[in-house]
Every structure is written in structure tokens, then in C-alpha cells.
Amino acid sequence: MWYRNEFVAHMEEVLDVYSRPYDPQKPLICLDEKPYMMHADKVQPLPIQSKSPRKIDYE
């Protein structure tokens, strides 16, 4: 199969964390990556210099 025993073991560790009872001293915080697309630059790209391509900072 495409997965390995090590991957399954790590996945089970994560699932164990989710099944723990609530502990106010150790709250469970879940984060989810959201696919937000930037439609504008926060800062203008640096100008082109001789023998150097334009540089853009991705924030």
C-alpha cells in the first residue's frame, strides 16, 4: 500500500490527542491552512537593477 507503518503510527498519535478528555491546563488548539490568494502586493517589488532580476517579497 502507499502508506507505511511509521506514517500510520504517527497518525494514530494525532488521533489519540483528539480523543483525550478536555484539560483546561492543556487546551487543544487546532489550526487549518486556508488557501487564501493574495490579489495585491503589500509592498511594491524592488526595482530592476543591472544584471539582477526583479525581486518580490512574498508575505
N, C-alpha and C. Protein backbone atom coordinates (compact mmCIF):
# COMPACT_ATOMS: atom_id res chain seq x y z
N MET A 1 0.84 -1.19 0.00
CA MET A 1 0.00 0.00 0.00
C MET A 1 0.88 1.25 0.00
N TRP A 2 0.27 2.41 -0.23
CA TRP A 2 1.02 3.66 -0.38
C TRP A 2 1.52 4.20 0.94
N TYR A 3 0.97 3.75 2.06
CA TYR A 3 1.41 4.28 3.35
C TYR A 3 2.33 3.27 4.03
N ARG A 4 3.06 3.76 4.99
CA ARG A 4 3.99 2.92 5.72
C ARG A 4 3.56 2.83 7.16
N ASN A 5 4.08 1.85 7.85
CA ASN A 5 3.73 1.64 9.25
C ASN A 5 4.07 2.86 10.10
N GLU A 6 5.17 3.52 9.79
CA GLU A 6 5.57 4.71 10.56
C GLU A 6 4.53 5.83 10.41
N PHE A 7 4.03 6.02 9.20
CA PHE A 7 3.01 7.04 8.97
C PHE A 7 1.75 6.72 9.77
N VAL A 8 1.32 5.47 9.74
CA VAL A 8 0.12 5.07 10.47
C VAL A 8 0.32 5.28 11.97
N ALA A 9 1.51 4.98 12.47
CA ALA A 9 1.79 5.18 13.90
C ALA A 9 1.67 6.65 14.27
N HIS A 10 2.21 7.54 13.45
CA HIS A 10 2.12 8.98 13.72
C HIS A 10 0.67 9.46 13.62
N MET A 11 -0.06 8.94 12.66
CA MET A 11 -1.45 9.31 12.50
C MET A 11 -2.26 8.89 13.74
N GLU A 12 -1.97 7.72 14.27
CA GLU A 12 -2.67 7.25 15.46
C GLU A 12 -2.34 8.12 16.67
N GLU A 13 -1.09 8.61 16.75
CA GLU A 13 -0.73 9.53 17.84
C GLU A 13 -1.57 10.80 17.78
N VAL A 14 -1.75 11.33 16.58
CA VAL A 14 -2.57 12.54 16.42
C VAL A 14 -4.01 12.25 16.81
N LEU A 15 -4.54 11.13 16.39
CA LEU A 15 -5.91 10.78 16.74
C LEU A 15 -6.07 10.58 18.24
N ASP A 16 -5.04 10.07 18.90
CA ASP A 16 -5.08 9.92 20.37
C ASP A 16 -5.20 11.28 21.04
N VAL A 17 -4.51 12.28 20.52
CA VAL A 17 -4.59 13.63 21.09
C VAL A 17 -6.03 14.14 21.00
N TYR A 18 -6.67 13.94 19.86
CA TYR A 18 -8.05 14.41 19.69
C TYR A 18 -9.04 13.69 20.60
N SER A 19 -8.73 12.47 20.99
CA SER A 19 -9.67 11.70 21.82
C SER A 19 -9.45 11.91 23.32
N ARG A 20 -8.45 12.69 23.70
CA ARG A 20 -8.21 12.95 25.13
C ARG A 20 -9.36 13.77 25.73
N PRO A 21 -9.64 13.55 27.02
CA PRO A 21 -10.64 14.40 27.67
C PRO A 21 -10.13 15.84 27.80
N TYR A 22 -11.05 16.78 27.90
CA TYR A 22 -10.68 18.19 27.99
C TYR A 22 -9.89 18.46 29.26
N ASP A 23 -8.78 19.16 29.11
CA ASP A 23 -7.94 19.56 30.24
C ASP A 23 -7.67 21.06 30.09
N PRO A 24 -8.21 21.90 31.00
CA PRO A 24 -8.01 23.35 30.86
C PRO A 24 -6.54 23.76 30.97
N GLN A 25 -5.70 22.91 31.58
CA GLN A 25 -4.27 23.22 31.67
C GLN A 25 -3.54 22.94 30.35
N LYS A 26 -4.13 22.09 29.52
CA LYS A 26 -3.55 21.75 28.22
C LYS A 26 -4.65 21.81 27.16
N PRO A 27 -5.09 23.00 26.78
CA PRO A 27 -6.17 23.09 25.80
C PRO A 27 -5.71 22.61 24.42
N LEU A 28 -6.63 22.05 23.69
CA LEU A 28 -6.37 21.59 22.34
C LEU A 28 -6.61 22.74 21.38
N ILE A 29 -5.60 23.06 20.61
CA ILE A 29 -5.70 24.15 19.64
C ILE A 29 -5.52 23.54 18.26
N CYS A 30 -6.49 23.75 17.40
CA CYS A 30 -6.45 23.20 16.05
C CYS A 30 -6.21 24.33 15.05
N LEU A 31 -5.32 24.10 14.12
CA LEU A 31 -5.04 25.07 13.07
C LEU A 31 -5.32 24.42 11.73
N ASP A 32 -5.80 25.21 10.82
CA ASP A 32 -6.09 24.72 9.49
C ASP A 32 -5.53 25.71 8.48
N GLU A 33 -4.78 25.20 7.53
CA GLU A 33 -4.25 26.08 6.49
C GLU A 33 -5.38 26.41 5.54
N LYS A 34 -5.53 27.68 5.27
CA LYS A 34 -6.58 28.11 4.35
C LYS A 34 -5.93 28.62 3.07
N PRO A 35 -6.46 28.25 1.94
CA PRO A 35 -5.85 28.65 0.67
C PRO A 35 -6.24 30.07 0.26
N TYR A 36 -5.75 31.06 0.99
CA TYR A 36 -6.02 32.44 0.62
C TYR A 36 -5.06 32.89 -0.47
N MET A 37 -5.58 33.58 -1.43
CA MET A 37 -4.75 34.07 -2.51
C MET A 37 -4.59 35.58 -2.37
N MET A 38 -3.33 36.04 -2.45
CA MET A 38 -3.08 37.47 -2.39
C MET A 38 -3.38 38.08 -3.75
N HIS A 39 -4.17 39.14 -3.76
CA HIS A 39 -4.52 39.79 -5.02
C HIS A 39 -3.75 41.09 -5.23
N ALA A 40 -3.02 41.53 -4.22
CA ALA A 40 -2.25 42.76 -4.34
C ALA A 40 -1.01 42.66 -3.47
N ASP A 41 0.01 43.40 -3.85
CA ASP A 41 1.24 43.43 -3.05
C ASP A 41 1.07 44.36 -1.87
N LYS A 42 1.61 43.96 -0.71
CA LYS A 42 1.63 44.85 0.45
C LYS A 42 2.71 45.91 0.26
N VAL A 43 3.81 45.48 -0.34
CA VAL A 43 4.94 46.37 -0.59
C VAL A 43 5.30 46.23 -2.06
N GLN A 44 5.64 47.33 -2.69
CA GLN A 44 6.00 47.30 -4.10
C GLN A 44 7.28 46.49 -4.30
N PRO A 45 7.38 45.74 -5.41
CA PRO A 45 8.61 44.99 -5.69
C PRO A 45 9.80 45.92 -5.83
N LEU A 46 10.98 45.39 -5.53
CA LEU A 46 12.20 46.17 -5.68
C LEU A 46 12.45 46.42 -7.17
N PRO A 47 12.96 47.58 -7.51
CA PRO A 47 13.19 47.88 -8.93
C PRO A 47 14.30 46.99 -9.51
N ILE A 48 14.23 46.81 -10.81
CA ILE A 48 15.23 46.01 -11.50
C ILE A 48 16.54 46.78 -11.53
N GLN A 49 17.63 46.07 -11.24
CA GLN A 49 18.96 46.66 -11.32
C GLN A 49 19.75 45.93 -12.40
N SER A 50 20.81 46.51 -12.80
CA SER A 50 21.64 45.91 -13.83
C SER A 50 22.08 44.50 -13.42
N LYS A 51 21.89 43.53 -14.31
CA LYS A 51 22.28 42.13 -14.10
C LYS A 51 21.59 41.49 -12.89
N SER A 52 20.44 41.99 -12.53
CA SER A 52 19.71 41.43 -11.39
C SER A 52 18.22 41.41 -11.72
N PRO A 53 17.57 40.27 -11.57
CA PRO A 53 16.13 40.23 -11.86
C PRO A 53 15.31 40.95 -10.80
N ARG A 54 14.08 41.26 -11.15
CA ARG A 54 13.18 41.90 -10.19
C ARG A 54 12.98 40.96 -9.00
N LYS A 55 12.91 41.51 -7.81
CA LYS A 55 12.75 40.71 -6.59
C LYS A 55 11.41 41.05 -5.95
N ILE A 56 10.68 40.01 -5.55
CA ILE A 56 9.38 40.19 -4.91
C ILE A 56 9.40 39.47 -3.58
N ASP A 57 8.95 40.14 -2.53
CA ASP A 57 8.86 39.54 -1.20
C ASP A 57 7.45 39.00 -1.01
N TYR A 58 7.35 37.72 -0.75
CA TYR A 58 6.03 37.11 -0.53
C TYR A 58 5.73 37.11 0.95
N GLU A 59 4.68 37.81 1.36
CA GLU A 59 4.30 37.87 2.77
C GLU A 59 3.10 37.01 3.02
